[in-house]
């Protein structure tokens, strides 16, 4: 009777370990450039002139993001950019491992899109997240910096971090929300530009 129970327990542990590897690989592939999280790419589109791509990029920004505004303070300001903006998406999650209530967070990012004839490039950078609720910002423990969390996630031992009261699983949840939010925005941009 004990042997089947032990085998069942080992199978559950193995299955849990395999599921974590998928999350680990997505998180560990997040693009870090000079210590900052930066998503960038250049796409060639034949038969798309600059005016068509400019229009598509601006429509994408206004329709996809709940909140967006021109980024007039960006150190990456480019007069050739079709879009230089700050934008925000929403996601929900608990703030700690023991919390049952999911809170709304804003994933905030700077976006730069440059369009030319048959070509566009994008850069998404200066990414952070913040709870919608001012009370949660004051009372709850959360981290807003994905680079910090990614560095922490890569450590063998988390050690004592006074600014964080949750483990690797919660860190992975925050980072997955960041990566998924940005990747989905990029996919929608590419789709809008290709049409």
C-alpha atoms as a PDB file:
ATOM      1  CA  UNK A   1       0.000   0.000   0.000  1.00  0.00           C
ATOM      2  CA  UNK A   2       2.866   2.383   0.786  1.00  0.00           C
ATOM      3  CA  UNK A   3       4.662   1.835  -2.531  1.00  0.00           C
ATOM      4  CA  UNK A   4       1.768   3.028  -4.773  1.00  0.00           C
ATOM      5  CA  UNK A   5       1.366   6.095  -2.554  1.00  0.00           C
ATOM      6  CA  UNK A   6       5.077   6.905  -2.837  1.00  0.00           C
ATOM      7  CA  UNK A   7       4.968   6.434  -6.631  1.00  0.00           C
ATOM      8  CA  UNK A   8       1.918   8.708  -6.879  1.00  0.00           C
ATOM      9  CA  UNK A   9       3.673  11.355  -4.779  1.00  0.00           C
ATOM     10  CA  UNK A  10       6.788  11.180  -6.971  1.00  0.00           C
ATOM     11  CA  UNK A  11       4.668  11.557 -10.124  1.00  0.00           C
ATOM     12  CA  UNK A  12       2.951  14.651  -8.727  1.00  0.00           C
ATOM     13  CA  UNK A  13       6.329  16.179  -7.809  1.00  0.00           C
ATOM     14  CA  UNK A  14       7.742  15.385 -11.263  1.00  0.00           C
ATOM     15  CA  UNK A  15       4.707  16.904 -13.021  1.00  0.00           C
ATOM     16  CA  UNK A  16       4.996  20.063 -10.919  1.00  0.00           C
ATOM     17  CA  UNK A  17       8.686  20.325 -11.783  1.00  0.00           C
ATOM     18  CA  UNK A  18       8.002  20.049 -15.523  1.00  0.00           C
ATOM     19  CA  UNK A  19       5.376  22.808 -15.357  1.00  0.00           C
ATOM     20  CA  UNK A  20       7.863  25.108 -13.632  1.00  0.00           C
ATOM     21  CA  UNK A  21      10.460  24.592 -16.390  1.00  0.00           C
ATOM     22  CA  UNK A  22       8.074  26.132 -18.962  1.00  0.00           C
ATOM     23  CA  UNK A  23       7.621  29.230 -16.772  1.00  0.00           C
ATOM     24  CA  UNK A  24      11.362  29.353 -16.060  1.00  0.00           C
ATOM     25  CA  UNK A  25      12.322  29.316 -19.733  1.00  0.00           C
ATOM     26  CA  UNK A  26       9.922  32.163 -20.637  1.00  0.00           C
ATOM     27  CA  UNK A  27      11.144  34.264 -17.731  1.00  0.00           C
ATOM     28  CA  UNK A  28      14.818  33.565 -18.337  1.00  0.00           C
ATOM     29  CA  UNK A  29      14.428  34.594 -22.004  1.00  0.00           C
ATOM     30  CA  UNK A  30      13.134  38.058 -21.100  1.00  0.00           C
ATOM     31  CA  UNK A  31      15.343  40.504 -23.074  1.00  0.00           C
ATOM     32  CA  UNK A  32      17.774  42.377 -20.826  1.00  0.00           C
ATOM     33  CA  UNK A  33      19.953  45.065 -22.444  1.00  0.00           C
ATOM     34  CA  UNK A  34      22.497  46.823 -20.219  1.00  0.00           C
ATOM     35  CA  UNK A  35      20.609  45.692 -17.120  1.00  0.00           C
ATOM     36  CA  UNK A  36      17.229  46.973 -18.380  1.00  0.00           C
ATOM     37  CA  UNK A  37      14.249  45.077 -19.762  1.00  0.00           C
ATOM     38  CA  UNK A  38      13.930  46.142 -23.418  1.00  0.00           C
ATOM     39  CA  UNK A  39      11.808  44.561 -26.143  1.00  0.00           C
ATOM     40  CA  UNK A  40      12.920  45.628 -29.609  1.00  0.00           C
ATOM     41  CA  UNK A  41      12.738  44.429 -33.192  1.00  0.00           C
ATOM     42  CA  UNK A  42      12.738  45.627 -36.790  1.00  0.00           C
ATOM     43  CA  UNK A  43      10.225  44.295 -39.315  1.00  0.00           C
ATOM     44  CA  UNK A  44      10.309  44.513 -43.115  1.00  0.00           C
ATOM     45  CA  UNK A  45       6.895  44.806 -44.795  1.00  0.00           C
ATOM     46  CA  UNK A  46       6.848  45.017 -48.575  1.00  0.00           C
ATOM     47  CA  UNK A  47       4.263  47.282 -50.217  1.00  0.00           C
ATOM     48  CA  UNK A  48       3.705  49.337 -47.034  1.00  0.00           C
ATOM     49  CA  UNK A  49       4.745  52.963 -47.304  1.00  0.00           C
ATOM     50  CA  UNK A  50       5.594  55.204 -44.346  1.00  0.00           C
ATOM     51  CA  UNK A  51       2.164  56.906 -44.286  1.00  0.00           C
ATOM     52  CA  UNK A  52       0.303  53.574 -44.100  1.00  0.00           C
ATOM     53  CA  UNK A  53       2.579  52.300 -41.329  1.00  0.00           C
ATOM     54  CA  UNK A  54       2.355  55.589 -39.364  1.00  0.00           C
ATOM     55  CA  UNK A  55      -1.434  55.465 -39.469  1.00  0.00           C
ATOM     56  CA  UNK A  56      -1.532  51.793 -38.447  1.00  0.00           C
ATOM     57  CA  UNK A  57       0.857  52.366 -35.532  1.00  0.00           C
ATOM     58  CA  UNK A  58      -1.154  55.305 -34.185  1.00  0.00           C
ATOM     59  CA  UNK A  59      -4.441  53.389 -34.465  1.00  0.00           C
ATOM     60  CA  UNK A  60      -2.862  50.447 -32.631  1.00  0.00           C
ATOM     61  CA  UNK A  61      -1.680  52.665 -29.772  1.00  0.00           C
ATOM     62  CA  UNK A  62      -5.085  54.306 -29.288  1.00  0.00           C
ATOM     63  CA  UNK A  63      -7.130  51.117 -29.623  1.00  0.00           C
ATOM     64  CA  UNK A  64      -4.950  48.623 -27.752  1.00  0.00           C
ATOM     65  CA  UNK A  65      -3.954  50.498 -24.600  1.00  0.00           C
ATOM     66  CA  UNK A  66      -6.425  51.611 -21.964  1.00  0.00           C
ATOM     67  CA  UNK A  67      -4.238  54.619 -21.173  1.00  0.00           C
ATOM     68  CA  UNK A  68      -1.620  56.281 -23.376  1.00  0.00           C
ATOM     69  CA  UNK A  69      -0.024  59.712 -23.698  1.00  0.00           C
ATOM     70  CA  UNK A  70       2.896  61.243 -25.584  1.00  0.00           C
ATOM     71  CA  UNK A  71       6.190  60.662 -23.791  1.00  0.00           C
ATOM     72  CA  UNK A  72       7.654  64.160 -23.861  1.00  0.00           C
ATOM     73  CA  UNK A  73      10.240  63.386 -21.174  1.00  0.00           C
ATOM     74  CA  UNK A  74      11.728  60.271 -22.770  1.00  0.00           C
ATOM     75  CA  UNK A  75      15.500  60.264 -22.938  1.00  0.00           C
ATOM     76  CA  UNK A  76      15.018  58.130 -26.020  1.00  0.00           C
ATOM     77  CA  UNK A  77      13.039  60.881 -27.793  1.00  0.00           C
ATOM     78  CA  UNK A  78      13.305  60.612 -31.568  1.00  0.00           C
ATOM     79  CA  UNK A  79      11.829  63.225 -33.938  1.00  0.00           C
ATOM     80  CA  UNK A  80      11.551  60.512 -36.604  1.00  0.00           C
ATOM     81  CA  UNK A  81       9.383  58.332 -34.362  1.00  0.00           C
ATOM     82  CA  UNK A  82       5.792  57.763 -35.388  1.00  0.00           C
ATOM     83  CA  UNK A  83       5.051  56.988 -31.763  1.00  0.00           C
ATOM     84  CA  UNK A  84       6.954  57.991 -28.655  1.00  0.00           C
ATOM     85  CA  UNK A  85       4.495  57.353 -25.841  1.00  0.00           C
ATOM     86  CA  UNK A  86       3.854  56.065 -22.350  1.00  0.00           C
ATOM     87  CA  UNK A  87       1.109  53.462 -22.226  1.00  0.00           C
ATOM     88  CA  UNK A  88      -0.507  51.181 -19.647  1.00  0.00           C
ATOM     89  CA  UNK A  89      -2.200  47.792 -19.637  1.00  0.00           C
ATOM     90  CA  UNK A  90      -4.104  46.144 -16.796  1.00  0.00           C
ATOM     91  CA  UNK A  91      -3.529  42.817 -15.100  1.00  0.00           C
ATOM     92  CA  UNK A  92      -4.850  41.278 -11.888  1.00  0.00           C
ATOM     93  CA  UNK A  93      -3.024  39.289  -9.256  1.00  0.00           C
ATOM     94  CA  UNK A  94      -2.638  38.823  -5.530  1.00  0.00           C
ATOM     95  CA  UNK A  95       0.060  40.862  -3.840  1.00  0.00           C
ATOM     96  CA  UNK A  96       1.372  38.026  -1.637  1.00  0.00           C
ATOM     97  CA  UNK A  97       1.373  34.236  -1.640  1.00  0.00           C
ATOM     98  CA  UNK A  98      -1.234  34.033   1.137  1.00  0.00           C
ATOM     99  CA  UNK A  99      -3.625  36.671  -0.217  1.00  0.00           C
ATOM    100  CA  UNK A 100      -6.884  35.510  -1.798  1.00  0.00           C
ATOM    101  CA  UNK A 101      -8.011  38.806  -3.301  1.00  0.00           C
ATOM    102  CA  UNK A 102      -6.715  39.770  -6.751  1.00  0.00           C
ATOM    103  CA  UNK A 103      -5.888  43.425  -7.192  1.00  0.00           C
ATOM    104  CA  UNK A 104      -5.708  45.447 -10.390  1.00  0.00           C
ATOM    105  CA  UNK A 105      -2.229  46.511 -11.477  1.00  0.00           C
ATOM    106  CA  UNK A 106      -1.119  48.760 -14.313  1.00  0.00           C
ATOM    107  CA  UNK A 107       1.771  47.610 -16.476  1.00  0.00           C
ATOM    108  CA  UNK A 108       3.345  50.876 -17.636  1.00  0.00           C
ATOM    109  CA  UNK A 109       5.846  51.125 -20.483  1.00  0.00           C
ATOM    110  CA  UNK A 110       7.508  53.540 -22.881  1.00  0.00           C
ATOM    111  CA  UNK A 111       6.948  52.725 -26.545  1.00  0.00           C
ATOM    112  CA  UNK A 112       8.820  53.990 -29.564  1.00  0.00           C
ATOM    113  CA  UNK A 113       7.781  53.011 -33.107  1.00  0.00           C
ATOM    114  CA  UNK A 114       9.691  54.320 -36.127  1.00  0.00           C
ATOM    115  CA  UNK A 115       8.115  53.839 -39.565  1.00  0.00           C
ATOM    116  CA  UNK A 116       9.769  54.116 -42.954  1.00  0.00           C
ATOM    117  CA  UNK A 117       8.845  52.819 -46.385  1.00  0.00           C
ATOM    118  CA  UNK A 118       8.490  48.998 -46.201  1.00  0.00           C
ATOM    119  CA  UNK A 119       9.934  48.915 -42.691  1.00  0.00           C
ATOM    120  CA  UNK A 120       9.164  49.661 -39.049  1.00  0.00           C
ATOM    121  CA  UNK A 121      10.944  49.137 -35.765  1.00  0.00           C
ATOM    122  CA  UNK A 122       9.664  49.186 -32.209  1.00  0.00           C
ATOM    123  CA  UNK A 123      11.202  49.500 -28.788  1.00  0.00           C
ATOM    124  CA  UNK A 124       9.344  48.903 -25.521  1.00  0.00           C
ATOM    125  CA  UNK A 125      11.330  49.935 -22.451  1.00  0.00           C
ATOM    126  CA  UNK A 126      11.191  51.647 -19.026  1.00  0.00           C
ATOM    127  CA  UNK A 127       8.700  49.003 -17.905  1.00  0.00           C
ATOM    128  CA  UNK A 128       7.243  48.923 -14.399  1.00  0.00           C
ATOM    129  CA  UNK A 129       3.988  48.023 -12.702  1.00  0.00           C
ATOM    130  CA  UNK A 130       1.961  49.604  -9.951  1.00  0.00           C
ATOM    131  CA  UNK A 131      -1.292  48.742  -8.144  1.00  0.00           C
ATOM    132  CA  UNK A 132      -4.334  50.777  -9.134  1.00  0.00           C
ATOM    133  CA  UNK A 133      -5.400  51.226  -5.499  1.00  0.00           C
ATOM    134  CA  UNK A 134      -3.606  53.943  -3.546  1.00  0.00           C
ATOM    135  CA  UNK A 135      -4.311  51.974  -0.366  1.00  0.00           C
ATOM    136  CA  UNK A 136      -2.494  48.926  -1.762  1.00  0.00           C
ATOM    137  CA  UNK A 137       0.414  51.156  -2.819  1.00  0.00           C
ATOM    138  CA  UNK A 138       0.723  52.336   0.781  1.00  0.00           C
ATOM    139  CA  UNK A 139      -0.200  49.234   2.807  1.00  0.00           C
ATOM    140  CA  UNK A 140       0.818  46.189   0.742  1.00  0.00           C
ATOM    141  CA  UNK A 141       4.220  44.793  -0.058  1.00  0.00           C
ATOM    142  CA  UNK A 142       4.829  44.676  -3.785  1.00  0.00           C
ATOM    143  CA  UNK A 143       7.737  45.270  -6.106  1.00  0.00           C
ATOM    144  CA  UNK A 144       7.393  47.511  -9.164  1.00  0.00           C
ATOM    145  CA  UNK A 145      10.695  46.816 -10.913  1.00  0.00           C
ATOM    146  CA  UNK A 146      10.805  43.755 -13.222  1.00  0.00           C
ATOM    147  CA  UNK A 147      14.609  43.941 -13.554  1.00  0.00           C
ATOM    148  CA  UNK A 148      14.988  43.650  -9.778  1.00  0.00           C
ATOM    149  CA  UNK A 149      12.590  40.703  -9.672  1.00  0.00           C
ATOM    150  CA  UNK A 150      14.347  39.001 -12.582  1.00  0.00           C
ATOM    151  CA  UNK A 151      17.718  39.311 -10.827  1.00  0.00           C
ATOM    152  CA  UNK A 152      16.159  37.955  -7.647  1.00  0.00           C
ATOM    153  CA  UNK A 153      14.491  35.087  -9.547  1.00  0.00           C
ATOM    154  CA  UNK A 154      17.821  33.998 -11.065  1.00  0.00           C
ATOM    155  CA  UNK A 155      19.495  33.651  -7.652  1.00  0.00           C
ATOM    156  CA  UNK A 156      19.934  30.161  -6.221  1.00  0.00           C
ATOM    157  CA  UNK A 157      18.727  31.343  -2.818  1.00  0.00           C
ATOM    158  CA  UNK A 158      16.444  34.315  -2.312  1.00  0.00           C
ATOM    159  CA  UNK A 159      17.890  35.063   1.108  1.00  0.00           C
ATOM    160  CA  UNK A 160      16.334  37.807   3.211  1.00  0.00           C
ATOM    161  CA  UNK A 161      14.812  40.579   1.142  1.00  0.00           C
ATOM    162  CA  UNK A 162      13.134  43.172   3.394  1.00  0.00           C
ATOM    163  CA  UNK A 163      11.211  44.708   0.482  1.00  0.00           C
ATOM    164  CA  UNK A 164       9.583  41.439  -0.554  1.00  0.00           C
ATOM    165  CA  UNK A 165       7.668  38.859   1.465  1.00  0.00           C
ATOM    166  CA  UNK A 166       6.980  36.171  -1.101  1.00  0.00           C
ATOM    167  CA  UNK A 167       8.908  33.417  -2.819  1.00  0.00           C
ATOM    168  CA  UNK A 168      10.000  32.370  -6.261  1.00  0.00           C
ATOM    169  CA  UNK A 169       6.486  31.373  -7.361  1.00  0.00           C
ATOM    170  CA  UNK A 170       5.084  34.871  -6.710  1.00  0.00           C
ATOM    171  CA  UNK A 171       8.090  36.485  -8.412  1.00  0.00           C
ATOM    172  CA  UNK A 172       7.443  34.230 -11.433  1.00  0.00           C
ATOM    173  CA  UNK A 173       3.782  35.335 -11.449  1.00  0.00           C
ATOM    174  CA  UNK A 174       4.731  39.034 -11.542  1.00  0.00           C
ATOM    175  CA  UNK A 175       7.313  38.454 -14.287  1.00  0.00           C
ATOM    176  CA  UNK A 176       4.933  36.294 -16.321  1.00  0.00           C
ATOM    177  CA  UNK A 177       2.322  39.079 -16.213  1.00  0.00           C
ATOM    178  CA  UNK A 178       4.929  41.583 -17.407  1.00  0.00           C
ATOM    179  CA  UNK A 179       6.265  39.364 -20.203  1.00  0.00           C
ATOM    180  CA  UNK A 180       2.819  38.246 -21.375  1.00  0.00           C
ATOM    181  CA  UNK A 181       1.479  41.817 -21.371  1.00  0.00           C
ATOM    182  CA  UNK A 182       4.351  43.141 -23.472  1.00  0.00           C
ATOM    183  CA  UNK A 183       4.433  40.129 -25.820  1.00  0.00           C
ATOM    184  CA  UNK A 184       0.677  40.432 -26.461  1.00  0.00           C
ATOM    185  CA  UNK A 185       1.066  44.157 -27.219  1.00  0.00           C
ATOM    186  CA  UNK A 186       3.868  43.366 -29.682  1.00  0.00           C
ATOM    187  CA  UNK A 187       1.773  40.661 -31.367  1.00  0.00           C
ATOM    188  CA  UNK A 188      -1.109  43.121 -31.790  1.00  0.00           C
ATOM    189  CA  UNK A 189       1.259  45.781 -33.157  1.00  0.00           C
ATOM    190  CA  UNK A 190       2.661  43.337 -35.724  1.00  0.00           C
ATOM    191  CA  UNK A 191      -0.854  42.291 -36.722  1.00  0.00           C
ATOM    192  CA  UNK A 192      -2.006  45.905 -37.115  1.00  0.00           C
ATOM    193  CA  UNK A 193       1.035  46.838 -39.170  1.00  0.00           C
ATOM    194  CA  UNK A 194       0.713  43.840 -41.516  1.00  0.00           C
ATOM    195  CA  UNK A 195      -2.894  44.701 -42.504  1.00  0.00           C
END
